[in-house]
Protein backbone atom coordinates (compact mmCIF):
# COMPACT_ATOMS: atom_id res chain seq x y z
CA UNK A 1 -70.30 33.53 -114.81
CA UNK A 2 -70.18 31.57 -118.05
CA UNK A 3 -72.63 32.67 -120.73
CA UNK A 4 -75.94 30.81 -120.76
CA UNK A 5 -76.48 29.11 -124.10
CA UNK A 6 -78.01 26.02 -125.58
CA UNK A 7 -75.75 23.12 -126.35
CA UNK A 8 -75.51 21.51 -129.80
CA UNK A 9 -77.46 18.28 -130.29
CA UNK A 10 -76.02 15.07 -128.94
CA UNK A 11 -74.38 12.51 -131.17
CA UNK A 12 -74.95 8.80 -131.31
CA UNK A 13 -72.88 6.39 -129.31
CA UNK A 14 -69.56 5.44 -130.95
CA UNK A 15 -68.87 1.85 -132.00
CA UNK A 16 -67.46 -0.43 -129.35
CA UNK A 17 -63.70 -0.13 -129.04
CA UNK A 18 -62.01 -3.48 -129.59
CA UNK A 19 -58.24 -3.40 -129.26
CA UNK A 20 -56.02 -6.11 -130.75
CA UNK A 21 -53.93 -8.12 -128.30
CA UNK A 22 -50.38 -7.02 -127.53
CA UNK A 23 -47.68 -9.70 -127.57
CA UNK A 24 -44.72 -9.01 -125.31
CA UNK A 25 -41.29 -10.45 -126.06
CA UNK A 26 -37.67 -9.60 -125.22
CA UNK A 27 -34.47 -9.67 -127.27
CA UNK A 28 -31.38 -11.43 -125.96
CA UNK A 29 -29.88 -8.09 -124.87
CA UNK A 30 -32.94 -7.21 -122.78
CA UNK A 31 -34.72 -4.84 -125.19
CA UNK A 32 -38.48 -5.27 -124.64
CA UNK A 33 -40.57 -5.81 -127.77
CA UNK A 34 -44.30 -5.06 -128.01
CA UNK A 35 -46.04 -6.49 -131.06
CA UNK A 36 -49.54 -5.71 -132.32
CA UNK A 37 -50.68 -7.86 -135.23
CA UNK A 38 -53.00 -6.08 -137.66
CA UNK A 39 -53.48 -7.81 -141.00
CA UNK A 40 -55.63 -5.31 -142.91
CA UNK A 41 -52.82 -4.09 -145.21
CA UNK A 42 -49.36 -5.60 -145.97
CA UNK A 43 -47.42 -2.92 -144.12
CA UNK A 44 -45.50 -2.84 -140.85
CA UNK A 45 -44.48 0.01 -138.56
CA UNK A 46 -41.43 -0.45 -136.31
CA UNK A 47 -40.68 2.18 -133.66
CA UNK A 48 -37.49 2.12 -131.61
CA UNK A 49 -38.15 4.31 -128.58
CA UNK A 50 -35.24 5.73 -126.58
CA UNK A 51 -36.08 6.84 -123.05
CA UNK A 52 -34.24 10.15 -123.28
CA UNK A 53 -35.10 13.51 -124.77
CA UNK A 54 -34.73 17.23 -124.37
CA UNK A 55 -35.23 17.03 -120.60
CA UNK A 56 -31.86 15.20 -120.58
CA UNK A 57 -29.97 17.97 -122.42
CA UNK A 58 -26.76 18.97 -120.67
CA UNK A 59 -26.73 22.41 -119.07
CA UNK A 60 -25.75 25.09 -121.53
CA UNK A 61 -26.34 22.76 -124.48
CA UNK A 62 -30.13 22.85 -124.77
CA UNK A 63 -31.09 21.27 -128.08
CA UNK A 64 -28.61 18.39 -127.90
CA UNK A 65 -31.22 15.61 -127.81
CA UNK A 66 -33.15 17.18 -130.67
CA UNK A 67 -30.02 17.66 -132.78
CA UNK A 68 -28.81 14.14 -132.03
CA UNK A 69 -32.06 12.67 -133.32
CA UNK A 70 -32.00 14.90 -136.39
CA UNK A 71 -28.45 13.78 -137.23
CA UNK A 72 -29.08 10.02 -137.00
CA UNK A 73 -30.12 9.62 -140.65
CA UNK A 74 -27.56 12.08 -142.04
CA UNK A 75 -25.16 9.17 -142.44
CA UNK A 76 -25.09 5.75 -140.77
CA UNK A 77 -23.05 2.57 -141.01
CA UNK A 78 -21.20 2.67 -144.34
CA UNK A 79 -23.78 4.87 -146.09
CA UNK A 80 -24.04 8.60 -146.55
CA UNK A 81 -27.36 10.33 -146.10
CA UNK A 82 -28.02 10.12 -149.86
CA UNK A 83 -27.07 6.44 -150.05
CA UNK A 84 -29.27 5.68 -147.09
CA UNK A 85 -32.20 7.51 -148.67
CA UNK A 86 -31.67 5.61 -151.94
CA UNK A 87 -31.61 2.25 -150.16
CA UNK A 88 -34.84 3.02 -148.29
CA UNK A 89 -36.55 4.30 -151.42
CA UNK A 90 -35.62 1.09 -153.26
CA UNK A 91 -37.43 -0.88 -150.54
CA UNK A 92 -40.46 1.42 -150.59
CA UNK A 93 -39.71 2.29 -146.96
CA UNK A 94 -40.01 5.50 -144.98
CA UNK A 95 -37.68 6.12 -142.05
CA UNK A 96 -37.79 9.13 -139.76
CA UNK A 97 -36.34 10.31 -136.48
CA UNK A 98 -37.92 12.42 -133.76
CA UNK A 99 -37.24 13.75 -130.29
CA UNK A 100 -39.42 15.26 -127.57
CA UNK A 101 -38.85 16.21 -123.96
CA UNK A 102 -39.25 12.66 -122.61
CA UNK A 103 -38.05 10.38 -125.40
CA UNK A 104 -36.54 10.06 -128.85
CA UNK A 105 -37.53 7.64 -131.60
CA UNK A 106 -36.56 6.08 -134.91
CA UNK A 107 -39.60 5.04 -136.94
CA UNK A 108 -39.69 2.69 -139.92
CA UNK A 109 -42.69 2.08 -142.17
CA UNK A 110 -42.18 -0.57 -144.84
CA UNK A 111 -44.03 -3.19 -146.91
CA UNK A 112 -43.94 -6.34 -144.84
CA UNK A 113 -42.22 -8.27 -147.64
CA UNK A 114 -39.18 -5.94 -147.34
CA UNK A 115 -38.99 -5.79 -143.55
CA UNK A 116 -35.98 -8.11 -143.37
CA UNK A 117 -34.03 -5.84 -145.73
CA UNK A 118 -35.09 -2.60 -144.06
CA UNK A 119 -34.36 -3.49 -140.43
CA UNK A 120 -30.54 -3.47 -140.89
CA UNK A 121 -30.82 0.07 -142.29
CA UNK A 122 -32.89 1.10 -139.28
CA UNK A 123 -30.33 -0.49 -136.97
CA UNK A 124 -27.51 1.43 -138.65
CA UNK A 125 -29.37 4.70 -138.13
CA UNK A 126 -30.11 3.96 -134.48
CA UNK A 127 -26.84 2.34 -133.45
CA UNK A 128 -24.16 3.46 -135.90
CA UNK A 129 -24.70 7.09 -136.94
CA UNK A 130 -21.60 8.79 -138.34
CA UNK A 131 -22.46 12.42 -137.43
CA UNK A 132 -20.86 14.10 -140.48
CA UNK A 133 -19.46 17.54 -139.75
CA UNK A 134 -20.90 19.19 -142.87
CA UNK A 135 -24.42 17.99 -142.07
CA UNK A 136 -24.21 19.25 -138.49
CA UNK A 137 -23.27 22.69 -139.76
CA UNK A 138 -26.13 22.63 -142.27
CA UNK A 139 -28.67 21.66 -139.60
CA UNK A 140 -27.21 24.22 -137.21
CA UNK A 141 -27.70 27.00 -139.74
CA UNK A 142 -31.25 25.80 -140.49
CA UNK A 143 -32.12 25.94 -136.80
CA UNK A 144 -30.53 29.33 -136.28
CA UNK A 145 -32.47 30.62 -139.28
CA UNK A 146 -35.67 29.17 -137.86
CA UNK A 147 -35.07 30.79 -134.49
CA UNK A 148 -34.38 34.11 -136.20
CA UNK A 149 -37.54 33.87 -138.31
CA UNK A 150 -39.55 33.05 -135.17
CA UNK A 151 -38.88 36.58 -133.93
CA UNK A 152 -41.26 37.83 -136.63
CA UNK A 153 -44.04 35.37 -135.79
CA UNK A 154 -46.51 36.55 -133.11
CA UNK A 155 -47.48 32.94 -132.39
CA UNK A 156 -43.86 31.85 -131.93
CA UNK A 157 -43.09 34.89 -129.78
CA UNK A 158 -46.11 34.19 -127.58
CA UNK A 159 -45.27 30.50 -127.17
CA UNK A 160 -41.64 31.20 -126.32
CA UNK A 161 -42.64 33.84 -123.79
CA UNK A 162 -45.40 31.69 -122.30
CA UNK A 163 -43.14 28.76 -121.45
CA UNK A 164 -40.49 31.06 -120.00
CA UNK A 165 -43.03 32.87 -117.82
CA UNK A 166 -44.71 29.68 -116.58
CA UNK A 167 -41.57 27.64 -115.90
CA UNK A 168 -38.92 30.31 -115.41
CA UNK A 169 -35.51 30.71 -117.05
CA UNK A 170 -33.74 27.89 -115.18
CA UNK A 171 -36.21 25.00 -115.55
CA UNK A 172 -35.70 22.92 -118.71
CA UNK A 173 -39.36 23.27 -119.68
CA UNK A 174 -38.88 27.03 -119.88
CA UNK A 175 -36.85 26.68 -123.09
CA UNK A 176 -37.96 25.00 -126.32
CA UNK A 177 -36.74 21.53 -127.27
CA UNK A 178 -34.52 22.93 -130.03
CA UNK A 179 -32.76 25.26 -127.61
CA UNK A 180 -31.73 28.89 -128.04
CA UNK A 181 -29.47 30.70 -130.49
CA UNK A 182 -26.64 30.55 -127.95
CA UNK A 183 -27.04 26.85 -127.09
CA UNK A 184 -27.44 25.77 -130.74
CA UNK A 185 -24.16 27.50 -131.59
CA UNK A 186 -22.47 25.74 -128.65
CA UNK A 187 -23.42 22.17 -129.63
CA UNK A 188 -20.54 20.24 -131.19
CA UNK A 189 -20.03 16.76 -132.64
CA UNK A 190 -18.58 15.53 -129.36
CA UNK A 191 -21.79 16.57 -127.58
CA UNK A 192 -23.90 14.56 -130.02
CA UNK A 193 -21.66 11.51 -129.78
CA UNK A 194 -21.65 11.71 -125.99
CA UNK A 195 -25.45 11.97 -125.82
CA UNK A 196 -25.85 9.05 -128.21
CA UNK A 197 -23.32 6.95 -126.28
CA UNK A 198 -24.97 7.68 -122.94
CA UNK A 199 -28.63 7.19 -123.82
CA UNK A 200 -28.96 5.12 -127.00
CA UNK A 201 -28.50 1.82 -125.19
CA UNK A 202 -30.53 -1.41 -124.91
CA UNK A 203 -31.24 -0.72 -121.23
CA UNK A 204 -32.85 2.55 -122.27
CA UNK A 205 -34.87 1.36 -125.27
CA UNK A 206 -38.00 -0.48 -126.39
CA UNK A 207 -39.27 -1.75 -129.75
CA UNK A 208 -42.91 -1.42 -130.81
CA UNK A 209 -44.06 -3.32 -133.91
CA UNK A 210 -47.48 -2.86 -135.49
CA UNK A 211 -48.72 -4.34 -138.73
CA UNK A 212 -49.09 -7.39 -140.94
CA UNK A 213 -46.63 -9.58 -139.08
CA UNK A 214 -46.64 -12.80 -137.11
CA UNK A 215 -45.05 -12.53 -133.70
CA UNK A 216 -42.97 -15.69 -133.94
CA UNK A 217 -41.68 -14.68 -137.37
CA UNK A 218 -40.81 -11.04 -136.66
CA UNK A 219 -38.87 -11.56 -133.41
CA UNK A 220 -35.95 -13.36 -135.14
CA UNK A 221 -35.68 -10.48 -137.63
CA UNK A 222 -35.51 -7.98 -134.76
CA UNK A 223 -32.97 -10.16 -132.96
CA UNK A 224 -30.77 -10.25 -136.06
CA UNK A 225 -30.85 -6.47 -136.42
CA UNK A 226 -30.73 -5.36 -132.77
CA UNK A 227 -29.68 -8.39 -130.70
CA UNK A 228 -25.98 -7.59 -130.94
CA UNK A 229 -26.50 -4.12 -129.48
CA UNK A 230 -24.83 -4.02 -126.07
CA UNK A 231 -24.85 -1.63 -123.13
CA UNK A 232 -21.74 0.51 -122.78
CA UNK A 233 -22.47 1.87 -119.30
CA UNK A 234 -25.68 2.53 -117.38
CA UNK A 235 -27.52 5.55 -118.72
CA UNK A 236 -27.57 8.20 -116.01
CA UNK A 237 -30.89 9.94 -116.39
CA UNK A 238 -31.57 12.75 -113.95
CA UNK A 239 -35.23 13.19 -113.06
CA UNK A 240 -36.65 16.50 -114.22
CA UNK A 241 -37.66 18.44 -111.10
CA UNK A 242 -41.33 19.23 -110.64
CA UNK A 243 -41.98 22.80 -111.81
CA UNK A 244 -43.05 25.36 -109.24
CA UNK A 245 -46.71 26.27 -109.64
CA UNK A 246 -47.60 29.91 -110.18
CA UNK A 247 -49.02 31.52 -107.04
CA UNK A 248 -50.66 34.64 -108.43
CA UNK A 249 -52.18 35.87 -111.65
CA UNK A 250 -49.91 37.87 -113.89
CA UNK A 251 -50.44 39.61 -117.22
CA UNK A 252 -47.60 40.06 -119.70
CA UNK A 253 -47.95 42.31 -122.75
CA UNK A 254 -45.60 41.90 -125.72
CA UNK A 255 -45.85 44.62 -128.34
CA UNK A 256 -45.47 43.34 -131.92
CA UNK A 257 -46.05 46.30 -134.25
CA UNK A 258 -47.92 45.34 -137.41
CA UNK A 259 -49.37 42.11 -136.03
CA UNK A 260 -52.73 41.38 -137.65
CA UNK A 261 -54.21 39.88 -134.47
CA UNK A 262 -53.59 39.58 -130.74
CA UNK A 263 -52.26 36.19 -129.66
CA UNK A 264 -53.70 35.24 -126.29
CA UNK A 265 -52.04 32.43 -124.33
CA UNK A 266 -52.93 31.79 -120.72
CA UNK A 267 -52.24 28.89 -118.43
CA UNK A 268 -50.12 27.47 -115.67
CA UNK A 269 -48.20 24.35 -114.66
CA UNK A 270 -50.33 21.31 -115.45
CA UNK A 271 -49.92 17.67 -114.45
CA UNK A 272 -47.55 14.83 -115.39
CA UNK A 273 -48.72 12.00 -117.64
CA UNK A 274 -48.70 9.66 -114.63
CA UNK A 275 -51.57 11.53 -112.97
CA UNK A 276 -54.34 9.13 -111.89
CA UNK A 277 -56.86 11.66 -113.23
CA UNK A 278 -55.54 11.38 -116.81
CA UNK A 279 -58.76 10.23 -118.49
CA UNK A 280 -60.94 12.55 -116.42
CA UNK A 281 -58.74 15.49 -117.39
CA UNK A 282 -58.81 14.52 -121.07
CA UNK A 283 -62.61 14.43 -121.11
CA UNK A 284 -62.87 17.68 -119.16
CA UNK A 285 -60.50 19.44 -121.53
CA UNK A 286 -62.46 18.14 -124.52
CA UNK A 287 -65.43 20.00 -123.09
CA UNK A 288 -63.46 23.14 -122.35
CA UNK A 289 -61.27 23.53 -125.42
CA UNK A 290 -60.19 20.20 -126.89
CA UNK A 291 -62.64 19.87 -129.79
CA UNK A 292 -64.36 22.01 -132.41
CA UNK A 293 -67.59 21.95 -130.37
CA UNK A 294 -65.79 22.89 -127.14
CA UNK A 295 -66.98 25.75 -124.98
CA UNK A 296 -64.03 27.99 -125.80
CA UNK A 297 -64.36 27.54 -129.55
CA UNK A 298 -68.11 27.99 -129.59
CA UNK A 299 -67.84 31.09 -127.43
CA UNK A 300 -65.01 32.95 -129.17
CA UNK A 301 -65.66 31.73 -132.71
CA UNK A 302 -69.33 30.92 -133.11
CA UNK A 303 -71.01 33.30 -130.67
CA UNK A 304 -68.76 36.36 -130.67
CA UNK A 305 -66.71 36.06 -133.85
CA UNK A 306 -63.56 37.19 -132.05
CA UNK A 307 -61.36 34.38 -133.40
CA UNK A 308 -61.15 31.81 -136.16
CA UNK A 309 -60.59 29.18 -133.50
CA UNK A 310 -59.85 28.79 -129.79
CA UNK A 311 -58.81 25.82 -127.71
CA UNK A 312 -56.95 24.42 -124.74
CA UNK A 313 -54.82 21.45 -123.81
CA UNK A 314 -52.49 19.79 -121.34
CA UNK A 315 -48.92 19.04 -122.38
CA UNK A 316 -48.36 16.04 -120.12
CA UNK A 317 -44.76 14.93 -119.64
CA UNK A 318 -42.80 12.89 -117.10
CA UNK A 319 -42.94 16.01 -114.99
CA UNK A 320 -45.79 18.49 -115.06
CA UNK A 321 -45.99 20.26 -118.41
CA UNK A 322 -48.19 23.27 -119.11
CA UNK A 323 -51.92 23.74 -119.33
CA UNK A 324 -52.54 26.24 -122.13
CA UNK A 325 -55.66 27.96 -123.44
CA UNK A 326 -55.11 30.02 -126.57
CA UNK A 327 -56.56 31.94 -129.50
CA UNK A 328 -55.58 34.59 -132.01
CA UNK A 329 -58.26 37.28 -131.80
CA UNK A 330 -59.23 40.58 -133.38
CA UNK A 331 -56.92 43.20 -131.95
CA UNK A 332 -59.77 45.54 -131.07
CA UNK A 333 -61.55 42.70 -129.21
CA UNK A 334 -58.60 41.59 -127.08
CA UNK A 335 -60.08 42.73 -123.77
CA UNK A 336 -63.50 41.25 -124.55
CA UNK A 337 -61.93 37.94 -125.62
CA UNK A 338 -59.93 37.73 -122.39
CA UNK A 339 -63.14 38.17 -120.40
CA UNK A 340 -64.70 35.26 -122.28
CA UNK A 341 -61.67 33.07 -121.61
CA UNK A 342 -62.04 33.67 -117.89
CA UNK A 343 -65.80 33.17 -118.09
CA UNK A 344 -65.27 29.72 -119.51
CA UNK A 345 -62.42 28.81 -117.16
CA UNK A 346 -64.55 29.78 -114.18
CA UNK A 347 -67.70 28.24 -115.63
CA UNK A 348 -66.20 24.78 -116.15
CA UNK A 349 -65.69 24.45 -112.40
CA UNK A 350 -68.69 26.45 -111.20
CA UNK A 351 -71.38 23.93 -112.10
CA UNK A 352 -71.63 20.24 -113.00
CA UNK A 353 -71.27 19.44 -116.68
CA UNK A 354 -74.66 18.54 -118.19
CA UNK A 355 -75.06 14.83 -118.92
CA UNK A 356 -75.54 15.36 -122.64
CA UNK A 357 -72.36 17.43 -122.95
CA UNK A 358 -70.40 14.91 -120.89
CA UNK A 359 -71.61 12.01 -123.03
CA UNK A 360 -70.67 13.85 -126.19
CA UNK A 361 -67.14 14.48 -124.87
CA UNK A 362 -66.70 10.83 -123.88
CA UNK A 363 -67.88 9.72 -127.31
CA UNK A 364 -65.42 12.12 -128.94
CA UNK A 365 -62.52 10.65 -126.94
CA UNK A 366 -63.61 7.08 -127.70
CA UNK A 367 -63.91 7.97 -131.37
CA UNK A 368 -60.35 9.34 -131.42
CA UNK A 369 -59.12 6.02 -130.02
CA UNK A 370 -60.41 4.31 -133.17
CA UNK A 371 -58.27 6.48 -135.44
């Protein structure tokens, strides 16, 4: 049974959430464009989203999507990585690339007056990367070094073990987005080019523009930069299979001599982002472990002093990601901390959430939407 304790005082209602309208357009090659006009500051953010990520990695080459995204700005069009960086700096622009399990992205932030000059650079990065051999080898060594260093980090060890134990060794979600030492060594330039050719296509992309722009003025700029992009062949994306849910409780102990604390991670297969209960789950997790005033944090940090912080969350993906509750706790209080975890996990479903606590969690979520 969850510990009986008084709840912190309620907070006032958040301001009403007023969202700006979203204009929807389409380029001549079929790329959808979503535009949100916000005229507070003379900046604009342009995100090109590619509907492919680590879940689309070829077998034996885990890390391909992540490495492809990382290589996009290492040389593009006629520019080297240094020349590209110089051109962006001259415009006062920031350009970055990213990749997750479900998608990859190229993101441009630039003063609105220089948008017309910056978009061709962004298009080069997205559509015409050169994949220099020397830069691939440098990134490969950086990733191998990072994977090696992770062996000395209790948090990294716990996270790597947790995903493998929840999803198993054969499901893609059981291995990190960057892959393993073996798969990172196996990725070659041809793998990156093949992934880019297969998935970085208009039929697999969308543009999101937010900032101090006018819809009718920005669409021609996007058309000039991306309208000539054509589909090579249909992207063949294989749906990630639904993970098999755990059927019984299991405890795994990993001995890390010299670790200052015990890292506790517990959870199971969660839900996909498409779940109809998305908002209900978000509010419920805010109460359990998704905020500083959550039950887990107040219990393990404030009441017992076992941990500096504790929390929980759902990693929602196209297929069901993990639910994870975690904390780093005093080694000599590991057993006691585990009991409190289970007290809170049982308690959240054992009795209705008090109205005041529920209202506070809703206000917290609404407040985050304003940020």
